[in-house]
C-alpha atoms as a PDB file:
ATOM      1  CA  MET A   1      95.181 118.823  95.752  1.00  0.00           C
ATOM      2  CA  LYS A   2      95.717 115.648  97.816  1.00  0.00           C
ATOM      3  CA  TYR A   3      94.976 114.277 101.192  1.00  0.00           C
ATOM      4  CA  ALA A   4      97.142 112.229 103.483  1.00  0.00           C
ATOM      5  CA  ARG A   5      95.952 110.216 106.717  1.00  0.00           C
ATOM      6  CA  LEU A   6      98.669 110.088 109.010  1.00  0.00           C
ATOM      7  CA  ARG A   7      99.423 108.399 112.257  1.00  0.00           C
ATOM      8  CA  ILE A   8     101.824 109.910 114.760  1.00  0.00           C
ATOM      9  CA  ASP A   9     103.502 107.719 117.244  1.00  0.00           C
ATOM     10  CA  HIS A  10     105.117 110.033 120.015  1.00  0.00           C
ATOM     11  CA  ALA A  11     108.114 109.547 121.912  1.00  0.00           C
ATOM     12  CA  GLU A  12     107.036 109.503 125.705  1.00  0.00           C
ATOM     13  CA  GLU A  13     108.545 112.893 126.294  1.00  0.00           C
ATOM     14  CA  ALA A  14     106.549 114.325 123.299  1.00  0.00           C
ATOM     15  CA  VAL A  15     103.041 113.140 124.396  1.00  0.00           C
ATOM     16  CA  HIS A  16     101.135 116.384 124.939  1.00  0.00           C
ATOM     17  CA  PRO A  17      99.977 116.599 128.710  1.00  0.00           C
ATOM     18  CA  MET A  18      96.351 116.282 128.049  1.00  0.00           C
ATOM     19  CA  HIS A  19      96.768 113.453 125.956  1.00  0.00           C
ATOM     20  CA  ALA A  20      98.918 111.717 128.466  1.00  0.00           C
ATOM     21  CA  PHE A  21      96.227 112.362 131.228  1.00  0.00           C
ATOM     22  CA  GLU A  22      93.376 110.811 128.874  1.00  0.00           C
ATOM     23  CA  MET A  23      95.636 107.828 128.129  1.00  0.00           C
ATOM     24  CA  ARG A  24      96.118 106.970 131.950  1.00  0.00           C
ATOM     25  CA  HIS A  25      92.747 107.989 133.615  1.00  0.00           C
ATOM     26  CA  ASP A  26      90.436 105.045 133.793  1.00  0.00           C
ATOM     27  CA  ARG A  27      87.289 107.494 133.593  1.00  0.00           C
ATOM     28  CA  ILE A  28      88.285 108.818 130.097  1.00  0.00           C
ATOM     29  CA  GLU A  29      88.163 106.502 127.163  1.00  0.00           C
ATOM     30  CA  TRP A  30      89.197 108.694 124.165  1.00  0.00           C
ATOM     31  CA  ALA A  31      89.039 111.971 123.038  1.00  0.00           C
ATOM     32  CA  GLU A  32      89.153 114.030 119.677  1.00  0.00           C
ATOM     33  CA  LEU A  33      89.735 117.555 118.643  1.00  0.00           C
ATOM     34  CA  LEU A  34      86.983 118.781 116.423  1.00  0.00           C
ATOM     35  CA  HIS A  35      87.777 122.517 115.749  1.00  0.00           C
ATOM     36  CA  TRP A  36      90.600 125.105 116.756  1.00  0.00           C
ATOM     37  CA  ASN A  37      91.912 128.258 116.098  1.00  0.00           C
ATOM     38  CA  VAL A  38      95.386 129.822 117.055  1.00  0.00           C
ATOM     39  CA  SER A  39      95.120 133.485 117.638  1.00  0.00           C
ATOM     40  CA  ALA A  40      97.412 136.349 117.299  1.00  0.00           C
ATOM     41  CA  ASP A  41      97.644 136.550 120.935  1.00  0.00           C
ATOM     42  CA  GLU A  42      99.500 133.194 121.294  1.00  0.00           C
ATOM     43  CA  THR A  43      96.597 131.525 122.486  1.00  0.00           C
ATOM     44  CA  ASN A  44      94.873 128.314 120.886  1.00  0.00           C
ATOM     45  CA  THR A  45      91.221 127.828 121.320  1.00  0.00           C
ATOM     46  CA  GLN A  46      89.926 124.182 120.754  1.00  0.00           C
ATOM     47  CA  VAL A  47      86.593 122.276 120.821  1.00  0.00           C
ATOM     48  CA  PHE A  48      87.085 118.415 122.029  1.00  0.00           C
ATOM     49  CA  ARG A  49      84.591 115.639 122.044  1.00  0.00           C
ATOM     50  CA  VAL A  50      85.554 113.093 124.853  1.00  0.00           C
ATOM     51  CA  ARG A  51      84.011 109.948 125.821  1.00  0.00           C
ATOM     52  CA  GLY A  52      84.119 109.428 129.718  1.00  0.00           C
ATOM     53  CA  ALA A  53      83.530 111.522 132.989  1.00  0.00           C
ATOM     54  CA  PRO A  54      83.676 115.391 132.779  1.00  0.00           C
ATOM     55  CA  ALA A  55      84.592 115.965 136.348  1.00  0.00           C
ATOM     56  CA  PRO A  56      88.107 114.579 136.284  1.00  0.00           C
ATOM     57  CA  PHE A  57      88.655 116.369 132.813  1.00  0.00           C
ATOM     58  CA  ARG A  58      87.439 119.457 134.130  1.00  0.00           C
ATOM     59  CA  ALA A  59      89.782 119.112 137.257  1.00  0.00           C
ATOM     60  CA  LYS A  60      92.646 118.631 134.947  1.00  0.00           C
ATOM     61  CA  LEU A  61      91.958 121.881 132.821  1.00  0.00           C
ATOM     62  CA  GLU A  62      91.631 123.677 136.337  1.00  0.00           C
ATOM     63  CA  ASP A  63      95.053 122.377 137.316  1.00  0.00           C
ATOM     64  CA  ARG A  64      97.129 123.342 134.389  1.00  0.00           C
ATOM     65  CA  ASP A  65      98.917 126.672 134.119  1.00  0.00           C
ATOM     66  CA  ALA A  66      98.229 126.738 130.293  1.00  0.00           C
ATOM     67  CA  THR A  67      94.529 126.849 130.635  1.00  0.00           C
ATOM     68  CA  ALA A  68      93.164 130.417 130.021  1.00  0.00           C
ATOM     69  CA  ALA A  69      89.531 129.519 130.064  1.00  0.00           C
ATOM     70  CA  TYR A  70      87.272 126.609 129.344  1.00  0.00           C
ATOM     71  CA  SER A  71      83.837 125.235 129.396  1.00  0.00           C
ATOM     72  CA  VAL A  72      82.702 121.673 129.744  1.00  0.00           C
ATOM     73  CA  THR A  73      79.342 120.276 128.850  1.00  0.00           C
ATOM     74  CA  GLU A  74      77.607 117.311 130.859  1.00  0.00           C
ATOM     75  CA  ALA A  75      77.799 114.025 129.446  1.00  0.00           C
ATOM     76  CA  VAL A  76      75.146 112.808 127.124  1.00  0.00           C
ATOM     77  CA  ASP A  77      75.284 108.918 126.630  1.00  0.00           C
ATOM     78  CA  GLY A  78      78.901 109.000 127.993  1.00  0.00           C
ATOM     79  CA  VAL A  79      80.142 111.683 125.557  1.00  0.00           C
ATOM     80  CA  PHE A  80      80.877 115.419 126.636  1.00  0.00           C
ATOM     81  CA  TYR A  81      82.510 118.606 124.821  1.00  0.00           C
ATOM     82  CA  CYS A  82      84.808 120.928 126.012  1.00  0.00           C
ATOM     83  CA  CYS A  83      85.876 124.255 124.591  1.00  0.00           C
ATOM     84  CA  VAL A  84      89.089 125.421 126.030  1.00  0.00           C
ATOM     85  CA  ARG A  85      91.550 128.378 125.438  1.00  0.00           C
ATOM     86  CA  ASP A  86      95.094 127.624 126.204  1.00  0.00           C
ATOM     87  CA  ARG A  87      98.386 129.524 126.192  1.00  0.00           C
ATOM     88  CA  LEU A  88     100.384 127.995 123.440  1.00  0.00           C
ATOM     89  CA  THR A  89     102.830 125.622 125.111  1.00  0.00           C
ATOM     90  CA  ALA A  90     105.964 123.844 123.785  1.00  0.00           C
ATOM     91  CA  ALA A  91     103.690 120.827 123.103  1.00  0.00           C
ATOM     92  CA  ASP A  92     101.358 122.921 121.169  1.00  0.00           C
ATOM     93  CA  ARG A  93     103.981 124.619 119.401  1.00  0.00           C
ATOM     94  CA  ARG A  94     105.366 121.283 117.843  1.00  0.00           C
ATOM     95  CA  TYR A  95     102.159 120.822 116.125  1.00  0.00           C
ATOM     96  CA  VAL A  96     101.637 124.316 115.089  1.00  0.00           C
ATOM     97  CA  ASP A  97     105.198 124.437 113.414  1.00  0.00           C
ATOM     98  CA  ALA A  98     104.675 121.262 111.828  1.00  0.00           C
ATOM     99  CA  LEU A  99     101.238 121.869 110.289  1.00  0.00           C
ATOM    100  CA  ALA A 100     100.987 125.790 109.650  1.00  0.00           C
ATOM    101  CA  ARG A 101     102.685 126.050 106.530  1.00  0.00           C
ATOM    102  CA  GLY A 102     101.832 126.354 102.754  1.00  0.00           C
ATOM    103  CA  THR A 103      98.495 125.169 101.491  1.00  0.00           C
ATOM    104  CA  LEU A 104      98.005 122.418 104.393  1.00  0.00           C
ATOM    105  CA  VAL A 105      94.636 122.124 106.134  1.00  0.00           C
ATOM    106  CA  VAL A 106      93.947 119.936 108.720  1.00  0.00           C
ATOM    107  CA  VAL A 107      90.687 118.002 108.391  1.00  0.00           C
ATOM    108  CA  PRO A 108      88.973 117.356 111.628  1.00  0.00           C
ATOM    109  CA  PRO A 109      88.673 115.420 113.888  1.00  0.00           C
ATOM    110  CA  VAL A 110      92.118 114.644 115.017  1.00  0.00           C
ATOM    111  CA  ARG A 111      92.009 111.391 117.193  1.00  0.00           C
ATOM    112  CA  PHE A 112      94.108 110.817 120.186  1.00  0.00           C
ATOM    113  CA  GLY A 113      94.850 107.154 120.980  1.00  0.00           C
ATOM    114  CA  ALA A 114      94.744 105.485 124.454  1.00  0.00           C
ATOM    115  CA  ASP A 115      98.393 103.781 122.889  1.00  0.00           C
ATOM    116  CA  GLY A 116      99.836 107.504 122.703  1.00  0.00           C
ATOM    117  CA  THR A 117      99.230 107.934 118.890  1.00  0.00           C
ATOM    118  CA  THR A 118      97.326 110.642 116.987  1.00  0.00           C
ATOM    119  CA  ASP A 119      95.524 110.312 113.832  1.00  0.00           C
ATOM    120  CA  LEU A 120      94.996 113.052 111.393  1.00  0.00           C
ATOM    121  CA  THR A 121      94.292 114.039 107.844  1.00  0.00           C
ATOM    122  CA  LEU A 122      96.035 116.834 106.028  1.00  0.00           C
ATOM    123  CA  VAL A 123      94.853 118.282 102.728  1.00  0.00           C
ATOM    124  CA  GLY A 124      97.167 120.375 100.573  1.00  0.00           C
ATOM    125  CA  THR A 125      99.492 120.126  97.385  1.00  0.00           C
ATOM    126  CA  ALA A 126     101.631 117.067  96.940  1.00  0.00           C
ATOM    127  CA  ALA A 127     104.733 119.256  97.804  1.00  0.00           C
ATOM    128  CA  ASP A 128     103.396 120.769 101.103  1.00  0.00           C
ATOM    129  CA  LEU A 129     102.058 117.263 102.176  1.00  0.00           C
ATOM    130  CA  GLY A 130     105.785 115.719 101.631  1.00  0.00           C
ATOM    131  CA  THR A 131     107.366 118.791 103.543  1.00  0.00           C
ATOM    132  CA  ALA A 132     105.049 118.343 106.313  1.00  0.00           C
ATOM    133  CA  VAL A 133     105.708 114.669 106.734  1.00  0.00           C
ATOM    134  CA  ASP A 134     109.325 115.191 106.620  1.00  0.00           C
ATOM    135  CA  GLY A 135     109.151 118.387 109.069  1.00  0.00           C
ATOM    136  CA  PHE A 136     107.816 116.828 112.182  1.00  0.00           C
ATOM    137  CA  PRO A 137     110.139 116.893 115.094  1.00  0.00           C
ATOM    138  CA  GLU A 138     112.306 113.609 115.270  1.00  0.00           C
ATOM    139  CA  GLU A 139     110.308 112.614 118.585  1.00  0.00           C
ATOM    140  CA  MET A 140     107.226 112.299 116.521  1.00  0.00           C
ATOM    141  CA  ASP A 141     107.459 109.017 114.160  1.00  0.00           C
ATOM    142  CA  VAL A 142     104.844 109.616 111.337  1.00  0.00           C
ATOM    143  CA  THR A 143     103.431 106.967 109.290  1.00  0.00           C
ATOM    144  CA  VAL A 144     101.349 107.643 106.344  1.00  0.00           C
ATOM    145  CA  ARG A 145      98.398 105.502 106.219  1.00  0.00           C
ATOM    146  CA  SER A 146      96.693 106.500 102.999  1.00  0.00           C
ATOM    147  CA  VAL A 147      97.178 109.236 100.346  1.00  0.00           C
ATOM    148  CA  GLY A 148      95.240 110.142  97.218  1.00  0.00           C
ATOM    149  CA  PRO A 149      93.341 113.028  95.451  1.00  0.00           C
ATOM    150  CA  TYR A 150      91.252 115.062  97.643  1.00  0.00           C
ATOM    151  CA  ARG A 151      87.599 114.314  97.447  1.00  0.00           C
ATOM    152  CA  ARG A 152      84.641 115.862  99.504  1.00  0.00           C
ATOM    153  CA  ARG A 153      84.990 114.243 103.031  1.00  0.00           C
ATOM    154  CA  ALA A 154      88.369 112.759 102.394  1.00  0.00           C
ATOM    155  CA  GLY A 155      88.942 112.488 106.080  1.00  0.00           C
ATOM    156  CA  SER A 156      85.807 110.744 106.770  1.00  0.00           C
ATOM    157  CA  ALA A 157      84.652 107.111 107.043  1.00  0.00           C
ATOM    158  CA  ALA A 158      83.257 107.409 103.397  1.00  0.00           C
ATOM    159  CA  ALA A 159      86.530 107.983 101.923  1.00  0.00           C
ATOM    160  CA  ARG A 160      88.189 104.994 103.699  1.00  0.00           C
ATOM    161  CA  LEU A 161      85.629 102.563 102.108  1.00  0.00           C
ATOM    162  CA  THR A 162      87.104 100.694  99.277  1.00  0.00           C
ATOM    163  CA  ASP A 163      85.984 100.926  95.884  1.00  0.00           C
ATOM    164  CA  ARG A 164      84.159  97.803  96.013  1.00  0.00           C
ATOM    165  CA  GLN A 165      82.650  98.489  99.377  1.00  0.00           C
ATOM    166  CA  ARG A 166      81.217 102.019  97.921  1.00  0.00           C
ATOM    167  CA  GLU A 167      79.978 100.002  95.012  1.00  0.00           C
ATOM    168  CA  ALA A 168      78.103  97.603  97.220  1.00  0.00           C
ATOM    169  CA  VAL A 169      76.507 100.459  99.553  1.00  0.00           C
ATOM    170  CA  SER A 170      75.474 102.445  96.601  1.00  0.00           C
ATOM    171  CA  ALA A 171      73.796  99.125  95.166  1.00  0.00           C
ATOM    172  CA  ALA A 172      72.213  98.528  98.513  1.00  0.00           C
ATOM    173  CA  VAL A 173      70.694 101.966  98.793  1.00  0.00           C
ATOM    174  CA  ASP A 174      69.453 101.866  95.242  1.00  0.00           C
ATOM    175  CA  CYS A 175      67.767  98.383  95.453  1.00  0.00           C
ATOM    176  CA  GLY A 176      66.086  99.407  98.856  1.00  0.00           C
ATOM    177  CA  TYR A 177      68.166  97.297 101.148  1.00  0.00           C
ATOM    178  CA  TYR A 178      68.389 100.201 103.630  1.00  0.00           C
ATOM    179  CA  ASP A 179      64.614 101.229 103.325  1.00  0.00           C
ATOM    180  CA  THR A 180      62.135 100.684 106.195  1.00  0.00           C
ATOM    181  CA  PRO A 181      60.518  98.223 105.657  1.00  0.00           C
ATOM    182  CA  ARG A 182      63.419  96.781 103.376  1.00  0.00           C
ATOM    183  CA  SER A 183      62.454  96.328  99.835  1.00  0.00           C
ATOM    184  CA  GLY A 184      65.888  94.801  98.700  1.00  0.00           C
ATOM    185  CA  SER A 185      68.161  91.915  99.687  1.00  0.00           C
ATOM    186  CA  VAL A 186      71.724  90.892  99.726  1.00  0.00           C
ATOM    187  CA  ALA A 187      70.988  88.906  96.840  1.00  0.00           C
ATOM    188  CA  ASP A 188      69.654  91.981  95.017  1.00  0.00           C
ATOM    189  CA  VAL A 189      73.218  93.659  95.689  1.00  0.00           C
ATOM    190  CA  ALA A 190      74.941  90.728  94.664  1.00  0.00           C
ATOM    191  CA  ALA A 191      73.232  90.434  91.344  1.00  0.00           C
ATOM    192  CA  GLU A 192      73.717  94.150  90.701  1.00  0.00           C
ATOM    193  CA  LEU A 193      77.431  93.861  91.316  1.00  0.00           C
ATOM    194  CA  GLY A 194      77.905  90.281  89.504  1.00  0.00           C
ATOM    195  CA  ILE A 195      79.280  88.804  92.841  1.00  0.00           C
ATOM    196  CA  GLU A 196      78.175  85.993  95.140  1.00  0.00           C
ATOM    197  CA  PRO A 197      75.789  86.942  98.073  1.00  0.00           C
ATOM    198  CA  GLY A 198      78.393  86.136 100.592  1.00  0.00           C
ATOM    199  CA  THR A 199      80.928  88.541  99.163  1.00  0.00           C
ATOM    200  CA  ALA A 200      78.245  91.165  98.952  1.00  0.00           C
ATOM    201  CA  ALA A 201      77.439  90.593 102.510  1.00  0.00           C
ATOM    202  CA  GLU A 202      81.017  90.646 103.497  1.00  0.00           C
ATOM    203  CA  HIS A 203      81.461  94.208 101.505  1.00  0.00           C
ATOM    204  CA  LEU A 204      78.349  95.795 103.447  1.00  0.00           C
ATOM    205  CA  ARG A 205      79.567  94.640 106.882  1.00  0.00           C
ATOM    206  CA  LYS A 206      83.029  96.017 106.422  1.00  0.00           C
ATOM    207  CA  ALA A 207      81.406  99.512 104.999  1.00  0.00           C
ATOM    208  CA  GLU A 208      79.148  99.569 108.005  1.00  0.00           C
ATOM    209  CA  ALA A 209      81.741  98.717 110.654  1.00  0.00           C
ATOM    210  CA  THR A 210      83.868 101.639 109.326  1.00  0.00           C
ATOM    211  CA  VAL A 211      81.159 104.202 109.330  1.00  0.00           C
ATOM    212  CA  MET A 212      79.840 103.138 112.732  1.00  0.00           C
ATOM    213  CA  ARG A 213      83.350 103.453 114.090  1.00  0.00           C
ATOM    214  CA  ASP A 214      83.542 107.093 112.747  1.00  0.00           C
ATOM    215  CA  LEU A 215      80.340 107.986 114.416  1.00  0.00           C
ATOM    216  CA  ARG A 216      81.147 106.345 117.939  1.00  0.00           C
END
C-alpha cells in the first residue's frame, strides 16, 4: 500500500464553482474539505473548514441550485465550518469518477488553493494510484508531489518531515527541549545527532513550520 500527494492545477473552466468563489471573494482566505460521503441518491454530503466570513459563504450556498441543505457555524478566531449536502454536478462527477476506483481512499483534508490548485493525498495500491493519476480529465493537470509507502498519518504534516527533521524532533522531545520549563537545549539535540547546533536548529525550525502550517 502506498500514498501519493497530488496537486491538481485546473483549467479555468474546470474549477469547481465553490472553489472559484472562494478564490475571488476578498472575505474568504481558504477552504479545505474534511469529510464527505457520496450517497446512493446522487447527493454529496461534505464538511468544510473555512477561514473567512461565514455570511458570504452562506449566501453563495443559498444561491446555488445544487445546494440541497446546509449548516454553517459561527466563526471562531476567523475559522468556521460548513456541512452541505449537494446534488452531484458535472464538476463533482469529475472528482468522483477519477477517485472512486479500486482500493483508493482520499486522506483528508483536501485543500483548495487561492491559485486554483487542489492538494490531496490518495492511499491505495501502486497500480490503482497510477491509474488514478493517468485517469484525471485532461482539464486537470496533475503533479505528483511525493509518493511512498503508506504510514499512519501519511497525509499529515508529520509524514512531510524529512528523516533528519523527524530525528531532530525526536531527539528534542527526548532531551526535554519541548518541556515546560525547558530542560534541554538545541546543543543537546545537536550532540545527540552528532551535528552542529546551527544545523539542529534549522531542522527543528523547518519541522515546526511544516507542522504549524498544517494546523492553521
